[in-house]
PDB file of all heavy atoms in Angstrom:
ATOM      1  N   PRO A   1     123.261  92.099  87.578  1.00  0.00           N
ATOM      2  CA  PRO A   1     122.329  91.041  87.980  1.00  0.00           C
ATOM      3  C   PRO A   1     121.061  91.638  88.592  1.00  0.00           C
ATOM      4  O   PRO A   1     121.087  92.731  89.157  1.00  0.00           O
ATOM      5  CB  PRO A   1     123.121  90.249  89.024  1.00  0.00           C
ATOM      6  CG  PRO A   1     124.547  90.525  88.694  1.00  0.00           C
ATOM      7  CD  PRO A   1     124.592  91.925  88.185  1.00  0.00           C
ATOM      8  N   LYS A   2     119.955  90.934  88.494  1.00  0.00           N
ATOM      9  CA  LYS A   2     118.678  91.455  88.978  1.00  0.00           C
ATOM     10  C   LYS A   2     118.699  91.674  90.491  1.00  0.00           C
ATOM     11  O   LYS A   2     119.413  90.987  91.233  1.00  0.00           O
ATOM     12  CB  LYS A   2     117.544  90.511  88.611  1.00  0.00           C
ATOM     13  CG  LYS A   2     117.624  89.135  89.263  1.00  0.00           C
ATOM     14  CD  LYS A   2     116.474  88.257  88.790  1.00  0.00           C
ATOM     15  CE  LYS A   2     116.554  86.869  89.436  1.00  0.00           C
ATOM     16  NZ  LYS A   2     115.467  85.987  88.966  1.00  0.00           N
ATOM     17  N   ILE A   3     117.956  92.663  90.930  1.00  0.00           N
ATOM     18  CA  ILE A   3     117.792  92.974  92.355  1.00  0.00           C
ATOM     19  C   ILE A   3     116.411  92.487  92.762  1.00  0.00           C
ATOM     20  O   ILE A   3     115.397  92.911  92.193  1.00  0.00           O
ATOM     21  CB  ILE A   3     117.937  94.486  92.598  1.00  0.00           C
ATOM     22  CG1 ILE A   3     119.338  94.942  92.180  1.00  0.00           C
ATOM     23  CG2 ILE A   3     117.663  94.830  94.051  1.00  0.00           C
ATOM     24  CD1 ILE A   3     119.491  96.437  92.083  1.00  0.00           C
ATOM     25  N   VAL A   4     116.345  91.598  93.711  1.00  0.00           N
ATOM     26  CA  VAL A   4     115.097  90.919  94.050  1.00  0.00           C
ATOM     27  C   VAL A   4     114.374  91.651  95.178  1.00  0.00           C
ATOM     28  O   VAL A   4     114.955  91.899  96.246  1.00  0.00           O
ATOM     29  CB  VAL A   4     115.365  89.459  94.452  1.00  0.00           C
ATOM     30  CG1 VAL A   4     114.058  88.758  94.797  1.00  0.00           C
ATOM     31  CG2 VAL A   4     116.068  88.723  93.319  1.00  0.00           C
ATOM     32  N   PHE A   5     113.125  92.012  94.932  1.00  0.00           N
ATOM     33  CA  PHE A   5     112.250  92.578  95.964  1.00  0.00           C
ATOM     34  C   PHE A   5     111.477  91.453  96.655  1.00  0.00           C
ATOM     35  O   PHE A   5     111.275  90.383  96.077  1.00  0.00           O
ATOM     36  CB  PHE A   5     111.270  93.561  95.346  1.00  0.00           C
ATOM     37  CG  PHE A   5     111.854  94.915  95.022  1.00  0.00           C
ATOM     38  CD1 PHE A   5     112.713  95.077  93.951  1.00  0.00           C
ATOM     39  CD2 PHE A   5     111.545  96.031  95.786  1.00  0.00           C
ATOM     40  CE1 PHE A   5     113.253  96.310  93.644  1.00  0.00           C
ATOM     41  CE2 PHE A   5     112.077  97.270  95.496  1.00  0.00           C
ATOM     42  CZ  PHE A   5     112.932  97.419  94.420  1.00  0.00           C
ATOM     43  N   ASP A   6     111.018  91.723  97.870  1.00  0.00           N
ATOM     44  CA  ASP A   6     110.148  90.789  98.575  1.00  0.00           C
ATOM     45  C   ASP A   6     108.679  91.120  98.375  1.00  0.00           C
ATOM     46  O   ASP A   6     107.813  90.489  98.988  1.00  0.00           O
ATOM     47  CB  ASP A   6     110.454  90.807 100.081  1.00  0.00           C
ATOM     48  CG  ASP A   6     111.819  90.223 100.392  1.00  0.00           C
ATOM     49  OD1 ASP A   6     112.292  89.373  99.614  1.00  0.00           O
ATOM     50  OD2 ASP A   6     112.419  90.621 101.404  1.00  0.00           O
ATOM     51  N   ILE A   7     108.401  92.142  97.571  1.00  0.00           N
ATOM     52  CA  ILE A   7     107.028  92.539  97.298  1.00  0.00           C
ATOM     53  C   ILE A   7     106.895  92.805  95.794  1.00  0.00           C
ATOM     54  O   ILE A   7     107.885  92.837  95.072  1.00  0.00           O
ATOM     55  CB  ILE A   7     106.635  93.815  98.076  1.00  0.00           C
ATOM     56  CG1 ILE A   7     107.455  95.022  97.576  1.00  0.00           C
ATOM     57  CG2 ILE A   7     106.807  93.630  99.573  1.00  0.00           C
ATOM     58  CD1 ILE A   7     107.007  96.352  98.155  1.00  0.00           C
ATOM     59  N   VAL A   8     105.653  92.981  95.351  1.00  0.00           N
ATOM     60  CA  VAL A   8     105.397  93.491  94.004  1.00  0.00           C
ATOM     61  C   VAL A   8     105.256  95.010  94.149  1.00  0.00           C
ATOM     62  O   VAL A   8     104.237  95.494  94.637  1.00  0.00           O
ATOM     63  CB  VAL A   8     104.109  92.891  93.411  1.00  0.00           C
ATOM     64  CG1 VAL A   8     103.836  93.490  92.042  1.00  0.00           C
ATOM     65  CG2 VAL A   8     104.223  91.374  93.321  1.00  0.00           C
ATOM     66  N   PRO A   9     106.261  95.789  93.756  1.00  0.00           N
ATOM     67  CA  PRO A   9     106.223  97.239  94.004  1.00  0.00           C
ATOM     68  C   PRO A   9     105.348  97.957  92.982  1.00  0.00           C
ATOM     69  O   PRO A   9     105.825  98.477  91.981  1.00  0.00           O
ATOM     70  CB  PRO A   9     107.697  97.641  93.883  1.00  0.00           C
ATOM     71  CG  PRO A   9     108.294  96.635  92.959  1.00  0.00           C
ATOM     72  CD  PRO A   9     107.522  95.362  93.144  1.00  0.00           C
ATOM     73  N   VAL A  10     104.038  97.994  93.251  1.00  0.00           N
ATOM     74  CA  VAL A  10     103.110  98.570  92.284  1.00  0.00           C
ATOM     75  C   VAL A  10     103.165 100.096  92.259  1.00  0.00           C
ATOM     76  O   VAL A  10     102.649 100.724  91.332  1.00  0.00           O
ATOM     77  CB  VAL A  10     101.665  98.125  92.561  1.00  0.00           C
ATOM     78  CG1 VAL A  10     101.521  96.626  92.425  1.00  0.00           C
ATOM     79  CG2 VAL A  10     101.197  98.592  93.928  1.00  0.00           C
ATOM     80  N   ALA A  11     103.763 100.712  93.270  1.00  0.00           N
ATOM     81  CA  ALA A  11     103.904 102.172  93.294  1.00  0.00           C
ATOM     82  C   ALA A  11     105.247 102.527  93.908  1.00  0.00           C
ATOM     83  O   ALA A  11     105.826 101.747  94.680  1.00  0.00           O
ATOM     84  CB  ALA A  11     102.768 102.816  94.074  1.00  0.00           C
ATOM     85  N   ILE A  12     105.739 103.731  93.570  1.00  0.00           N
ATOM     86  CA  ILE A  12     107.092 104.115  93.976  1.00  0.00           C
ATOM     87  C   ILE A  12     107.167 105.631  94.081  1.00  0.00           C
ATOM     88  O   ILE A  12     106.458 106.351  93.373  1.00  0.00           O
ATOM     89  CB  ILE A  12     108.120 103.581  92.956  1.00  0.00           C
ATOM     90  CG1 ILE A  12     109.548 103.793  93.419  1.00  0.00           C
ATOM     91  CG2 ILE A  12     107.898 104.206  91.580  1.00  0.00           C
ATOM     92  CD1 ILE A  12     110.564 103.038  92.576  1.00  0.00           C
ATOM     93  N   ALA A  13     107.992 106.126  94.994  1.00  0.00           N
ATOM     94  CA  ALA A  13     108.178 107.574  95.144  1.00  0.00           C
ATOM     95  C   ALA A  13     109.603 107.860  95.578  1.00  0.00           C
ATOM     96  O   ALA A  13     110.245 107.044  96.258  1.00  0.00           O
ATOM     97  CB  ALA A  13     107.187 108.137  96.163  1.00  0.00           C
ATOM     98  N   ASN A  14     110.111 109.035  95.175  1.00  0.00           N
ATOM     99  CA  ASN A  14     111.460 109.459  95.559  1.00  0.00           C
ATOM    100  C   ASN A  14     111.481 109.971  96.988  1.00  0.00           C
ATOM    101  O   ASN A  14     110.565 110.685  97.416  1.00  0.00           O
ATOM    102  CB  ASN A  14     111.937 110.591  94.633  1.00  0.00           C
ATOM    103  CG  ASN A  14     112.146 110.124  93.216  1.00  0.00           C
ATOM    104  OD1 ASN A  14     113.049 109.356  92.933  1.00  0.00           O
ATOM    105  ND2 ASN A  14     111.290 110.591  92.319  1.00  0.00           N
ATOM    106  N   LEU A  15     112.556 109.643  97.711  1.00  0.00           N
ATOM    107  CA  LEU A  15     112.767 110.164  99.057  1.00  0.00           C
ATOM    108  C   LEU A  15     113.908 111.190  99.041  1.00  0.00           C
ATOM    109  O   LEU A  15     114.754 111.171  98.140  1.00  0.00           O
ATOM    110  CB  LEU A  15     113.087 109.020 100.018  1.00  0.00           C
ATOM    111  CG  LEU A  15     111.973 107.968 100.177  1.00  0.00           C
ATOM    112  CD1 LEU A  15     112.432 106.862 101.126  1.00  0.00           C
ATOM    113  CD2 LEU A  15     110.674 108.606 100.675  1.00  0.00           C
ATOM    114  N   PRO A  16     113.960 112.089 100.023  1.00  0.00           N
ATOM    115  CA  PRO A  16     114.966 113.160 100.004  1.00  0.00           C
ATOM    116  C   PRO A  16     116.411 112.675 100.006  1.00  0.00           C
ATOM    117  O   PRO A  16     117.295 113.376  99.504  1.00  0.00           O
ATOM    118  CB  PRO A  16     114.657 113.953 101.291  1.00  0.00           C
ATOM    119  CG  PRO A  16     113.237 113.647 101.602  1.00  0.00           C
ATOM    120  CD  PRO A  16     113.007 112.246 101.149  1.00  0.00           C
ATOM    121  N   ASP A  17     116.678 111.497 100.553  1.00  0.00           N
ATOM    122  CA  ASP A  17     118.059 111.010 100.649  1.00  0.00           C
ATOM    123  C   ASP A  17     118.498 110.213  99.426  1.00  0.00           C
ATOM    124  O   ASP A  17     119.573 109.605  99.425  1.00  0.00           O
ATOM    125  CB  ASP A  17     118.247 110.173 101.909  1.00  0.00           C
ATOM    126  CG  ASP A  17     117.364 108.934 101.951  1.00  0.00           C
ATOM    127  OD1 ASP A  17     116.579 108.724 100.992  1.00  0.00           O
ATOM    128  OD2 ASP A  17     117.445 108.175 102.945  1.00  0.00           O
ATOM    129  N   GLY A  18     117.687 110.207  98.369  1.00  0.00           N
ATOM    130  CA  GLY A  18     118.045 109.480  97.156  1.00  0.00           C
ATOM    131  C   GLY A  18     117.510 108.070  97.099  1.00  0.00           C
ATOM    132  O   GLY A  18     117.607 107.408  96.062  1.00  0.00           O
ATOM    133  N   LYS A  19     116.956 107.575  98.202  1.00  0.00           N
ATOM    134  CA  LYS A  19     116.341 106.245  98.196  1.00  0.00           C
ATOM    135  C   LYS A  19     114.952 106.336  97.578  1.00  0.00           C
ATOM    136  O   LYS A  19     114.415 107.418  97.351  1.00  0.00           O
ATOM    137  CB  LYS A  19     116.282 105.673  99.611  1.00  0.00           C
ATOM    138  CG  LYS A  19     117.636 105.423 100.259  1.00  0.00           C
ATOM    139  CD  LYS A  19     117.457 104.782 101.634  1.00  0.00           C
ATOM    140  CE  LYS A  19     118.797 104.449 102.292  1.00  0.00           C
ATOM    141  NZ  LYS A  19     119.538 105.670 102.684  1.00  0.00           N
ATOM    142  N   LEU A  20     114.361 105.170  97.312  1.00  0.00           N
ATOM    143  CA  LEU A  20     113.023 105.077  96.754  1.00  0.00           C
ATOM    144  C   LEU A  20     112.158 104.236  97.679  1.00  0.00           C
ATOM    145  O   LEU A  20     112.587 103.169  98.124  1.00  0.00           O
ATOM    146  CB  LEU A  20     113.061 104.421  95.370  1.00  0.00           C
ATOM    147  CG  LEU A  20     113.949 105.086  94.323  1.00  0.00           C
ATOM    148  CD1 LEU A  20     114.034 104.215  93.078  1.00  0.00           C
ATOM    149  CD2 LEU A  20     113.420 106.460  93.954  1.00  0.00           C
ATOM    150  N   VAL A  21     110.967 104.731  97.976  1.00  0.00           N
ATOM    151  CA  VAL A  21     110.035 103.928  98.757  1.00  0.00           C
ATOM    152  C   VAL A  21     109.063 103.270  97.790  1.00  0.00           C
ATOM    153  O   VAL A  21     108.522 103.906  96.881  1.00  0.00           O
ATOM    154  CB  VAL A  21     109.287 104.766  99.814  1.00  0.00           C
ATOM    155  CG1 VAL A  21     108.500 105.912  99.188  1.00  0.00           C
ATOM    156  CG2 VAL A  21     108.373 103.880 100.649  1.00  0.00           C
ATOM    157  N   THR A  22     108.872 101.970  97.932  1.00  0.00           N
ATOM    158  CA  THR A  22     107.948 101.217  97.083  1.00  0.00           C
ATOM    159  C   THR A  22     106.943 100.515  97.986  1.00  0.00           C
ATOM    160  O   THR A  22     107.231 100.220  99.149  1.00  0.00           O
ATOM    161  CB  THR A  22     108.691 100.169  96.235  1.00  0.00           C
ATOM    162  OG1 THR A  22     109.076  99.062  97.071  1.00  0.00           O
ATOM    163  CG2 THR A  22     109.931 100.763  95.587  1.00  0.00           C
ATOM    164  N   TRP A  23     105.774 100.254  97.432  1.00  0.00           N
ATOM    165  CA  TRP A  23     104.790  99.513  98.217  1.00  0.00           C
ATOM    166  C   TRP A  23     103.920  98.667  97.311  1.00  0.00           C
ATOM    167  O   TRP A  23     103.750  98.943  96.137  1.00  0.00           O
ATOM    168  CB  TRP A  23     103.938 100.453  99.076  1.00  0.00           C
ATOM    169  CG  TRP A  23     103.147 101.488  98.359  1.00  0.00           C
ATOM    170  CD1 TRP A  23     101.859 101.397  97.914  1.00  0.00           C
ATOM    171  CD2 TRP A  23     103.576 102.810  98.011  1.00  0.00           C
ATOM    172  NE1 TRP A  23     101.459 102.559  97.306  1.00  0.00           N
ATOM    173  CE2 TRP A  23     102.501 103.454  97.366  1.00  0.00           C
ATOM    174  CE3 TRP A  23     104.770 103.521  98.183  1.00  0.00           C
ATOM    175  CZ2 TRP A  23     102.579 104.754  96.887  1.00  0.00           C
ATOM    176  CZ3 TRP A  23     104.848 104.817  97.709  1.00  0.00           C
ATOM    177  CH2 TRP A  23     103.771 105.427  97.073  1.00  0.00           C
ATOM    178  N   SER A  24     103.404  97.576  97.899  1.00  0.00           N
ATOM    179  CA  SER A  24     102.489  96.701  97.185  1.00  0.00           C
ATOM    180  C   SER A  24     101.077  96.998  97.670  1.00  0.00           C
ATOM    181  O   SER A  24     100.838  97.911  98.450  1.00  0.00           O
ATOM    182  CB  SER A  24     102.846  95.237  97.410  1.00  0.00           C
ATOM    183  OG  SER A  24     102.598  94.879  98.755  1.00  0.00           O
ATOM    184  N   SER A  25     100.136  96.203  97.213  1.00  0.00           N
ATOM    185  CA  SER A  25      98.742  96.446  97.529  1.00  0.00           C
ATOM    186  C   SER A  25      98.063  95.119  97.833  1.00  0.00           C
ATOM    187  O   SER A  25      98.162  94.189  97.041  1.00  0.00           O
ATOM    188  CB  SER A  25      98.080  97.122  96.334  1.00  0.00           C
ATOM    189  OG  SER A  25      96.725  97.347  96.559  1.00  0.00           O
ATOM    190  N   LYS A  26      97.426  95.024  98.964  1.00  0.00           N
ATOM    191  CA  LYS A  26      96.708  93.848  99.458  1.00  0.00           C
ATOM    192  C   LYS A  26      97.657  92.789 100.003  1.00  0.00           C
ATOM    193  O   LYS A  26      97.671  92.515 101.183  1.00  0.00           O
ATOM    194  CB  LYS A  26      95.782  93.253  98.409  1.00  0.00           C
ATOM    195  CG  LYS A  26      94.867  92.156  98.953  1.00  0.00           C
ATOM    196  CD  LYS A  26      93.894  91.667  97.905  1.00  0.00           C
ATOM    197  CE  LYS A  26      93.020  90.549  98.432  1.00  0.00           C
ATOM    198  NZ  LYS A  26      92.100  90.985  99.493  1.00  0.00           N
ATOM    199  N   TYR A  27      98.461  92.158  99.125  1.00  0.00           N
ATOM    200  CA  TYR A  27      99.432  91.164  99.560  1.00  0.00           C
ATOM    201  C   TYR A  27     100.818  91.577  99.084  1.00  0.00           C
ATOM    202  O   TYR A  27     100.943  92.384  98.163  1.00  0.00           O
ATOM    203  CB  TYR A  27      99.098  89.775  99.000  1.00  0.00           C
ATOM    204  CG  TYR A  27      97.717  89.281  99.343  1.00  0.00           C
ATOM    205  CD1 TYR A  27      96.789  89.012  98.349  1.00  0.00           C
ATOM    206  CD2 TYR A  27      97.339  89.079 100.677  1.00  0.00           C
ATOM    207  CE1 TYR A  27      95.513  88.555  98.655  1.00  0.00           C
ATOM    208  CE2 TYR A  27      96.067  88.620 100.995  1.00  0.00           C
ATOM    209  CZ  TYR A  27      95.162  88.360  99.981  1.00  0.00           C
ATOM    210  OH  TYR A  27      93.910  87.921 100.282  1.00  0.00           O
ATOM    211  N   HIS A  28     101.846  90.971  99.651  1.00  0.00           N
ATOM    212  CA  HIS A  28     103.192  91.329  99.220  1.00  0.00           C
ATOM    213  C   HIS A  28     103.501  90.822  97.820  1.00  0.00           C
ATOM    214  O   HIS A  28     104.370  91.363  97.132  1.00  0.00           O
ATOM    215  CB  HIS A  28     104.235  90.800 100.212  1.00  0.00           C
ATOM    216  CG  HIS A  28     104.454  89.314 100.145  1.00  0.00           C
ATOM    217  ND1 HIS A  28     103.619  88.425 100.782  1.00  0.00           N
ATOM    218  CD2 HIS A  28     105.393  88.572  99.504  1.00  0.00           C
ATOM    219  CE1 HIS A  28     104.042  87.198 100.546  1.00  0.00           C
ATOM    220  NE2 HIS A  28     105.112  87.248  99.778  1.00  0.00           N
ATOM    221  N   ASP A  29     102.769  89.796  97.368  1.00  0.00           N
ATOM    222  CA  ASP A  29     103.049  89.220  96.059  1.00  0.00           C
ATOM    223  C   ASP A  29     101.845  89.243  95.127  1.00  0.00           C
ATOM    224  O   ASP A  29     101.792  88.529  94.137  1.00  0.00           O
ATOM    225  CB  ASP A  29     103.544  87.773  96.216  1.00  0.00           C
ATOM    226  CG  ASP A  29     102.526  86.889  96.938  1.00  0.00           C
ATOM    227  OD1 ASP A  29     101.493  87.416  97.410  1.00  0.00           O
ATOM    228  OD2 ASP A  29     102.764  85.672  97.028  1.00  0.00           O
ATOM    229  N   ASP A  30     100.858  90.068  95.430  1.00  0.00           N
ATOM    230  CA  ASP A  30      99.665  90.149  94.603  1.00  0.00           C
ATOM    231  C   ASP A  30      99.027  91.522  94.829  1.00  0.00           C
ATOM    232  O   ASP A  30      99.458  92.277  95.693  1.00  0.00           O
ATOM    233  CB  ASP A  30      98.687  89.033  94.974  1.00  0.00           C
ATOM    234  CG  ASP A  30      97.667  88.761  93.873  1.00  0.00           C
ATOM    235  OD1 ASP A  30      97.710  89.456  92.845  1.00  0.00           O
ATOM    236  OD2 ASP A  30      96.823  87.867  94.068  1.00  0.00           O
ATOM    237  N   PHE A  31      97.984  91.838  94.043  1.00  0.00           N
ATOM    238  CA  PHE A  31      97.297  93.103  94.235  1.00  0.00           C
ATOM    239  C   PHE A  31      95.820  92.926  93.946  1.00  0.00           C
ATOM    240  O   PHE A  31      95.390  91.907  93.409  1.00  0.00           O
ATOM    241  CB  PHE A  31      97.888  94.193  93.337  1.00  0.00           C
ATOM    242  CG  PHE A  31      97.692  93.953  91.862  1.00  0.00           C
ATOM    243  CD1 PHE A  31      96.567  94.415  91.203  1.00  0.00           C
ATOM    244  CD2 PHE A  31      98.643  93.256  91.136  1.00  0.00           C
ATOM    245  CE1 PHE A  31      96.394  94.191  89.852  1.00  0.00           C
ATOM    246  CE2 PHE A  31      98.482  93.037  89.778  1.00  0.00           C
ATOM    247  CZ  PHE A  31      97.349  93.495  89.134  1.00  0.00           C
ATOM    248  N   GLY A  32      95.047  93.939  94.299  1.00  0.00           N
ATOM    249  CA  GLY A  32      93.607  93.888  94.091  1.00  0.00           C
ATOM    250  C   GLY A  32      92.874  93.713  95.396  1.00  0.00           C
ATOM    251  O   GLY A  32      93.435  93.263  96.394  1.00  0.00           O
TER     252      GLY A  32
END
């Protein structure tokens, strides 16, 4: 089943512990 984010993850990077950090831009549900 889909995993729901609270943001639009426009970028992503690997972390040392195997997790992923994601971030949006401007707003949590929009960009620009």
